[in-house]
Amino acid sequence: MPIERMLAQATVTDLEVAVSWYTGLFGRQPDARPMDGLAEWHLAATFGVQVWAEPGRAGHSTVVLDEADLDGRAAELDRAGIEHPGPEHATSSRILRLADPDGNRIVFTG
């Protein structure tokens, strides 16, 4: 049976603080709140990001997202008031690293 959808998950302490931050990150409110403690952004038909409130595990997640325009993404983050170091060169591509309020790592690659 083939897997048809993937949701990356970042575990957070306070869901409402995280929803506010990820709303700035993605430029829109969550697409779904399927249960208490969970918010989802559906970034395409087959993938997305979940933010899950579980304080004991918070801050240890990494989410990697491919981005066609890292400079444009950095400008959007600036407008949203999200701190970041700017795009940087990696071995074979450029990346834009940032952290959510709990310290979860978000990496845009391009």
Protein backbone atom coordinates (compact mmCIF):
# COMPACT_ATOMS: atom_id res chain seq x y z
CA MET A 1 0.00 0.00 0.00
CA PRO A 2 1.68 3.28 -1.07
CA ILE A 3 2.03 6.25 1.25
CA GLU A 4 0.19 9.18 -0.29
CA ARG A 5 0.72 12.08 2.10
CA MET A 6 3.38 13.33 4.51
CA LEU A 7 3.10 15.83 7.35
CA ALA A 8 6.25 17.02 9.11
CA GLN A 9 5.68 17.83 12.77
CA ALA A 10 7.13 20.38 15.15
CA THR A 11 6.40 19.78 18.81
CA VAL A 12 5.77 22.93 20.85
CA THR A 13 5.07 24.09 24.39
CA ASP A 14 2.21 26.53 23.74
CA LEU A 15 0.02 25.90 20.70
CA GLU A 16 -1.38 29.42 20.41
CA VAL A 17 2.09 31.02 20.54
CA ALA A 18 3.23 28.53 17.90
CA VAL A 19 0.17 29.11 15.70
CA SER A 20 0.90 32.83 15.73
CA TRP A 21 4.55 32.25 14.75
CA TYR A 22 3.81 29.64 12.06
CA THR A 23 1.04 31.87 10.67
CA GLY A 24 3.76 34.47 10.10
CA LEU A 25 6.06 31.83 8.64
CA PHE A 26 3.51 30.55 6.13
CA GLY A 27 1.61 33.81 5.63
CA ARG A 28 -1.75 32.34 6.59
CA GLN A 29 -3.74 30.72 9.37
CA PRO A 30 -3.70 26.91 9.79
CA ASP A 31 -5.71 24.94 7.26
CA ALA A 32 -6.98 22.53 9.90
CA ARG A 33 -7.19 21.98 13.64
CA PRO A 34 -8.14 18.31 13.62
CA MET A 35 -7.94 17.80 17.39
CA ASP A 36 -7.05 19.63 20.59
CA GLY A 37 -3.37 20.57 20.65
CA LEU A 38 -2.82 20.25 16.89
CA ALA A 39 -2.72 22.71 13.97
CA GLU A 40 -1.91 21.90 10.35
CA TRP A 41 -0.75 23.87 7.32
CA HIS A 42 -1.39 22.01 4.05
CA LEU A 43 1.39 23.34 1.84
CA ALA A 44 0.46 21.19 -1.16
CA ALA A 45 -1.93 18.35 -1.92
CA THR A 46 0.43 15.71 -0.54
CA PHE A 47 2.47 17.41 2.18
CA GLY A 48 2.28 19.87 5.03
CA VAL A 49 3.40 20.81 8.51
CA GLN A 50 1.77 19.99 11.82
CA VAL A 51 2.36 21.88 15.05
CA TRP A 52 1.64 19.69 18.07
CA ALA A 53 1.53 20.85 21.70
CA GLU A 54 3.45 18.44 23.92
CA PRO A 55 5.56 20.47 26.38
CA GLY A 56 7.76 17.56 27.49
CA ARG A 57 9.00 16.98 23.94
CA ALA A 58 8.94 20.57 22.67
CA GLY A 59 11.87 22.13 20.85
CA HIS A 60 13.54 19.03 19.44
CA SER A 61 12.06 18.94 15.93
CA THR A 62 13.55 19.82 12.55
CA VAL A 63 11.47 20.61 9.48
CA VAL A 64 13.17 21.00 6.08
CA LEU A 65 11.26 22.71 3.27
CA ASP A 66 12.40 23.24 -0.30
CA GLU A 67 12.04 26.88 -1.40
CA ALA A 68 12.56 28.16 -4.96
CA ASP A 69 13.33 31.74 -3.86
CA LEU A 70 15.30 31.96 -0.60
CA ASP A 71 15.81 35.71 -0.94
CA GLY A 72 12.08 36.21 -1.40
CA ARG A 73 11.39 33.95 1.60
CA ALA A 74 13.84 35.98 3.70
CA ALA A 75 12.03 39.19 2.70
CA GLU A 76 8.68 37.63 3.67
CA LEU A 77 10.13 36.62 7.04
CA ASP A 78 11.37 40.18 7.56
CA ARG A 79 7.87 41.53 6.85
CA ALA A 80 6.40 39.01 9.31
CA GLY A 81 8.92 40.02 12.00
CA ILE A 82 10.53 36.58 12.12
CA GLU A 83 14.24 36.71 12.96
CA HIS A 84 16.69 34.81 10.76
CA PRO A 85 20.36 35.08 9.76
CA GLY A 86 19.59 35.32 6.02
CA PRO A 87 20.35 32.81 3.29
CA GLU A 88 23.74 31.12 3.46
CA HIS A 89 25.72 28.83 1.20
CA ALA A 90 25.81 25.14 2.03
CA THR A 91 27.78 22.43 0.25
CA SER A 92 25.55 22.07 -2.82
CA SER A 93 22.79 24.63 -2.29
CA ARG A 94 21.75 27.61 -0.24
CA ILE A 95 19.83 27.35 3.03
CA LEU A 96 17.90 29.65 5.32
CA ARG A 97 17.90 28.46 8.94
CA LEU A 98 15.62 29.72 11.67
CA ALA A 99 14.05 28.56 14.91
CA ASP A 100 10.51 28.77 16.22
CA PRO A 101 9.80 30.10 19.75
CA ASP A 102 10.51 26.65 21.25
CA GLY A 103 13.79 26.22 19.38
CA ASN A 104 12.52 23.81 16.72
CA ARG A 105 14.72 24.14 13.64
CA ILE A 106 13.12 25.19 10.35
CA VAL A 107 15.41 24.98 7.32
CA PHE A 108 14.47 26.27 3.89
CA THR A 109 16.67 24.87 1.13
CA GLY A 110 17.01 26.22 -2.37
